Amino acid sequence: MFCSAFPEDYNKDLYKAHTEDLYKGLLVHLDDPSSLIQDAVLVVLKEASHLNPDLLRRQVEDVKQKHREQRSCLYCDELLEFMRQN
């Protein structure tokens, strides 16, 4: 739903800074104490992963060890696996 606003010809190089900020903002909330928030953010990140998968993969790897919630690391792993399969 969220990513339906992005055109099919979305230029990942031109809008890299925007996508980077989007991913960073969402990844912070993947470490939220509420599993409801984490679940919702994971859905959006999966949906947005096609915008710039290499960038998201690097960012997930960077934040994975910084998250305080063990569950957050599992969400990061799930997101990385999702991107490997798609």
N, C-alpha and C. Protein backbone atom coordinates (compact mmCIF):
# COMPACT_ATOMS: atom_id res chain seq x y z
N MET A 1 0.82 -1.19 0.00
CA MET A 1 0.00 0.00 0.00
C MET A 1 0.87 1.26 0.00
N PHE A 2 1.78 1.36 0.95
CA PHE A 2 2.64 2.54 1.07
C PHE A 2 3.43 2.79 -0.21
N CYS A 3 4.01 1.75 -0.74
CA CYS A 3 4.89 1.91 -1.90
C CYS A 3 4.14 2.07 -3.21
N SER A 4 2.86 1.94 -3.20
CA SER A 4 2.11 2.15 -4.44
C SER A 4 2.19 3.60 -4.89
N ALA A 5 2.62 4.49 -4.01
CA ALA A 5 2.78 5.90 -4.37
C ALA A 5 4.04 6.14 -5.20
N PHE A 6 4.96 5.18 -5.19
CA PHE A 6 6.20 5.33 -5.95
C PHE A 6 5.97 4.86 -7.38
N PRO A 7 6.41 5.64 -8.36
CA PRO A 7 6.22 5.22 -9.76
C PRO A 7 7.08 4.01 -10.11
N GLU A 8 6.69 3.28 -11.12
CA GLU A 8 7.46 2.10 -11.54
C GLU A 8 8.86 2.47 -11.99
N ASP A 9 9.02 3.66 -12.54
CA ASP A 9 10.34 4.08 -13.01
C ASP A 9 11.11 4.87 -11.95
N TYR A 10 10.86 4.57 -10.69
CA TYR A 10 11.53 5.23 -9.56
C TYR A 10 13.04 5.12 -9.74
N ASN A 11 13.71 6.25 -9.75
CA ASN A 11 15.16 6.29 -9.98
C ASN A 11 15.88 6.17 -8.64
N LYS A 12 16.38 4.97 -8.35
CA LYS A 12 16.99 4.72 -7.04
C LYS A 12 18.28 5.51 -6.84
N ASP A 13 18.97 5.85 -7.91
CA ASP A 13 20.19 6.64 -7.77
C ASP A 13 19.88 8.11 -7.49
N LEU A 14 18.93 8.64 -8.22
CA LEU A 14 18.55 10.04 -8.05
C LEU A 14 17.98 10.31 -6.66
N TYR A 15 17.17 9.37 -6.16
CA TYR A 15 16.49 9.56 -4.88
C TYR A 15 17.12 8.77 -3.74
N LYS A 16 18.39 8.43 -3.88
CA LYS A 16 19.07 7.61 -2.87
C LYS A 16 18.99 8.24 -1.48
N ALA A 17 19.23 9.54 -1.38
CA ALA A 17 19.21 10.20 -0.07
C ALA A 17 17.82 10.11 0.57
N HIS A 18 16.79 10.25 -0.24
CA HIS A 18 15.42 10.15 0.29
C HIS A 18 15.13 8.74 0.78
N THR A 19 15.53 7.77 -0.02
CA THR A 19 15.29 6.38 0.35
C THR A 19 16.09 6.02 1.60
N GLU A 20 17.30 6.51 1.68
CA GLU A 20 18.14 6.26 2.84
C GLU A 20 17.48 6.79 4.11
N ASP A 21 16.96 8.00 4.05
CA ASP A 21 16.27 8.58 5.21
C ASP A 21 15.01 7.79 5.56
N LEU A 22 14.29 7.37 4.55
CA LEU A 22 13.08 6.56 4.77
C LEU A 22 13.43 5.28 5.51
N TYR A 23 14.44 4.57 5.00
CA TYR A 23 14.85 3.31 5.63
C TYR A 23 15.36 3.54 7.06
N LYS A 24 16.18 4.55 7.24
CA LYS A 24 16.73 4.83 8.59
C LYS A 24 15.61 5.10 9.58
N GLY A 25 14.66 5.92 9.17
CA GLY A 25 13.54 6.24 10.06
C GLY A 25 12.72 5.02 10.43
N LEU A 26 12.51 4.15 9.47
CA LEU A 26 11.75 2.94 9.75
C LEU A 26 12.54 1.95 10.60
N LEU A 27 13.82 1.81 10.32
CA LEU A 27 14.64 0.85 11.06
C LEU A 27 14.74 1.19 12.54
N VAL A 28 14.68 2.46 12.88
CA VAL A 28 14.67 2.86 14.29
C VAL A 28 13.47 2.23 14.99
N HIS A 29 12.34 2.24 14.32
CA HIS A 29 11.10 1.73 14.93
C HIS A 29 11.01 0.21 14.90
N LEU A 30 11.92 -0.42 14.18
CA LEU A 30 11.97 -1.88 14.22
C LEU A 30 12.47 -2.35 15.58
N ASP A 31 13.06 -1.44 16.34
CA ASP A 31 13.55 -1.74 17.69
C ASP A 31 12.59 -1.24 18.78
N ASP A 32 11.39 -0.92 18.39
CA ASP A 32 10.39 -0.42 19.34
C ASP A 32 10.03 -1.52 20.35
N PRO A 33 9.75 -1.16 21.59
CA PRO A 33 9.35 -2.17 22.58
C PRO A 33 8.01 -2.85 22.24
N SER A 34 7.20 -2.19 21.44
CA SER A 34 5.89 -2.75 21.08
C SER A 34 6.01 -3.66 19.86
N SER A 35 5.58 -4.89 20.02
CA SER A 35 5.61 -5.82 18.88
C SER A 35 4.63 -5.39 17.79
N LEU A 36 3.58 -4.66 18.16
CA LEU A 36 2.64 -4.16 17.15
C LEU A 36 3.33 -3.18 16.21
N ILE A 37 4.13 -2.30 16.79
CA ILE A 37 4.89 -1.34 15.98
C ILE A 37 5.91 -2.08 15.13
N GLN A 38 6.62 -3.00 15.73
CA GLN A 38 7.63 -3.76 14.99
C GLN A 38 7.01 -4.52 13.82
N ASP A 39 5.89 -5.16 14.05
CA ASP A 39 5.22 -5.90 12.98
C ASP A 39 4.83 -4.98 11.83
N ALA A 40 4.27 -3.83 12.16
CA ALA A 40 3.84 -2.88 11.13
C ALA A 40 5.03 -2.34 10.35
N VAL A 41 6.11 -2.02 11.05
CA VAL A 41 7.30 -1.50 10.39
C VAL A 41 7.92 -2.56 9.48
N LEU A 42 7.93 -3.80 9.93
CA LEU A 42 8.48 -4.87 9.11
C LEU A 42 7.71 -5.01 7.80
N VAL A 43 6.40 -4.91 7.87
CA VAL A 43 5.57 -4.98 6.66
C VAL A 43 5.96 -3.87 5.69
N VAL A 44 6.09 -2.65 6.21
CA VAL A 44 6.44 -1.51 5.35
C VAL A 44 7.84 -1.68 4.78
N LEU A 45 8.78 -2.13 5.59
CA LEU A 45 10.15 -2.33 5.09
C LEU A 45 10.19 -3.39 4.00
N LYS A 46 9.45 -4.46 4.17
CA LYS A 46 9.40 -5.48 3.12
C LYS A 46 8.83 -4.89 1.84
N GLU A 47 7.78 -4.12 2.00
CA GLU A 47 7.13 -3.50 0.84
C GLU A 47 8.06 -2.50 0.16
N ALA A 48 8.86 -1.78 0.94
CA ALA A 48 9.74 -0.75 0.40
C ALA A 48 11.11 -1.29 0.00
N SER A 49 11.36 -2.54 0.26
CA SER A 49 12.70 -3.09 0.01
C SER A 49 13.09 -3.05 -1.47
N HIS A 50 12.11 -3.08 -2.35
CA HIS A 50 12.42 -3.08 -3.78
C HIS A 50 12.93 -1.73 -4.28
N LEU A 51 12.73 -0.66 -3.51
CA LEU A 51 13.15 0.66 -3.95
C LEU A 51 14.67 0.73 -4.12
N ASN A 52 15.39 0.17 -3.16
CA ASN A 52 16.86 0.14 -3.23
C ASN A 52 17.34 -0.99 -2.31
N PRO A 53 17.23 -2.23 -2.76
CA PRO A 53 17.53 -3.37 -1.90
C PRO A 53 18.96 -3.40 -1.35
N ASP A 54 19.92 -3.00 -2.16
CA ASP A 54 21.32 -3.01 -1.68
C ASP A 54 21.51 -2.02 -0.53
N LEU A 55 20.92 -0.86 -0.67
CA LEU A 55 21.00 0.15 0.39
C LEU A 55 20.34 -0.35 1.67
N LEU A 56 19.15 -0.91 1.55
CA LEU A 56 18.45 -1.41 2.73
C LEU A 56 19.23 -2.55 3.38
N ARG A 57 19.77 -3.43 2.59
CA ARG A 57 20.55 -4.55 3.13
C ARG A 57 21.72 -4.02 3.97
N ARG A 58 22.44 -3.04 3.45
CA ARG A 58 23.57 -2.45 4.19
C ARG A 58 23.09 -1.80 5.49
N GLN A 59 21.98 -1.08 5.41
CA GLN A 59 21.48 -0.40 6.60
C GLN A 59 21.01 -1.39 7.65
N VAL A 60 20.37 -2.46 7.23
CA VAL A 60 19.91 -3.47 8.18
C VAL A 60 21.12 -4.10 8.88
N GLU A 61 22.13 -4.43 8.11
CA GLU A 61 23.34 -5.01 8.70
C GLU A 61 23.99 -4.05 9.70
N ASP A 62 23.96 -2.76 9.38
CA ASP A 62 24.55 -1.75 10.27
C ASP A 62 23.80 -1.62 11.59
N VAL A 63 22.47 -1.65 11.54
CA VAL A 63 21.69 -1.41 12.76
C VAL A 63 21.40 -2.68 13.55
N LYS A 64 21.53 -3.80 12.92
CA LYS A 64 21.14 -5.06 13.56
C LYS A 64 21.81 -5.24 14.93
N GLN A 65 23.08 -4.97 15.01
CA GLN A 65 23.80 -5.16 16.27
C GLN A 65 23.57 -4.03 17.27
N LYS A 66 23.00 -2.94 16.81
CA LYS A 66 22.74 -1.80 17.69
C LYS A 66 21.39 -1.90 18.38
N HIS A 67 20.51 -2.71 17.86
CA HIS A 67 19.17 -2.83 18.45
C HIS A 67 19.26 -3.51 19.81
N ARG A 68 18.49 -3.00 20.73
CA ARG A 68 18.55 -3.51 22.11
C ARG A 68 17.61 -4.69 22.33
N GLU A 69 16.56 -4.76 21.55
CA GLU A 69 15.59 -5.84 21.68
C GLU A 69 16.06 -7.07 20.89
N GLN A 70 16.13 -8.22 21.53
CA GLN A 70 16.51 -9.45 20.83
C GLN A 70 15.55 -9.73 19.68
N ARG A 71 14.30 -9.44 19.91
CA ARG A 71 13.27 -9.64 18.89
C ARG A 71 13.58 -8.81 17.64
N SER A 72 14.20 -7.64 17.84
CA SER A 72 14.55 -6.77 16.72
C SER A 72 15.54 -7.45 15.78
N CYS A 73 16.48 -8.17 16.34
CA CYS A 73 17.46 -8.89 15.52
C CYS A 73 16.76 -9.96 14.68
N LEU A 74 15.77 -10.58 15.25
CA LEU A 74 15.00 -11.58 14.50
C LEU A 74 14.24 -10.94 13.35
N TYR A 75 13.69 -9.76 13.60
CA TYR A 75 13.01 -9.02 12.53
C TYR A 75 14.00 -8.63 11.43
N CYS A 76 15.19 -8.22 11.82
CA CYS A 76 16.23 -7.88 10.84
C CYS A 76 16.57 -9.10 10.00
N ASP A 77 16.74 -10.24 10.66
CA ASP A 77 17.04 -11.47 9.93
C ASP A 77 15.90 -11.85 8.98
N GLU A 78 14.69 -11.68 9.44
CA GLU A 78 13.53 -11.99 8.60
C GLU A 78 13.50 -11.08 7.37
N LEU A 79 13.80 -9.81 7.57
CA LEU A 79 13.82 -8.86 6.46
C LEU A 79 14.92 -9.21 5.47
N LEU A 80 16.10 -9.53 5.97
CA LEU A 80 17.21 -9.91 5.09
C LEU A 80 16.87 -11.18 4.30
N GLU A 81 16.25 -12.13 4.95
CA GLU A 81 15.85 -13.36 4.26
C GLU A 81 14.79 -13.06 3.20
N PHE A 82 13.85 -12.21 3.53
CA PHE A 82 12.83 -11.81 2.56
C PHE A 82 13.48 -11.20 1.32
N MET A 83 14.47 -10.35 1.53
CA MET A 83 15.13 -9.70 0.39
C MET A 83 15.95 -10.70 -0.42
N ARG A 84 16.52 -11.69 0.23
CA ARG A 84 17.27 -12.72 -0.51
C ARG A 84 16.35 -13.52 -1.42
N GLN A 85 15.14 -13.74 -0.96
CA GLN A 85 14.19 -14.56 -1.73
C GLN A 85 13.47 -13.78 -2.82
N ASN A 86 13.51 -12.47 -2.75
CA ASN A 86 12.77 -11.65 -3.74
C ASN A 86 13.68 -10.87 -4.64
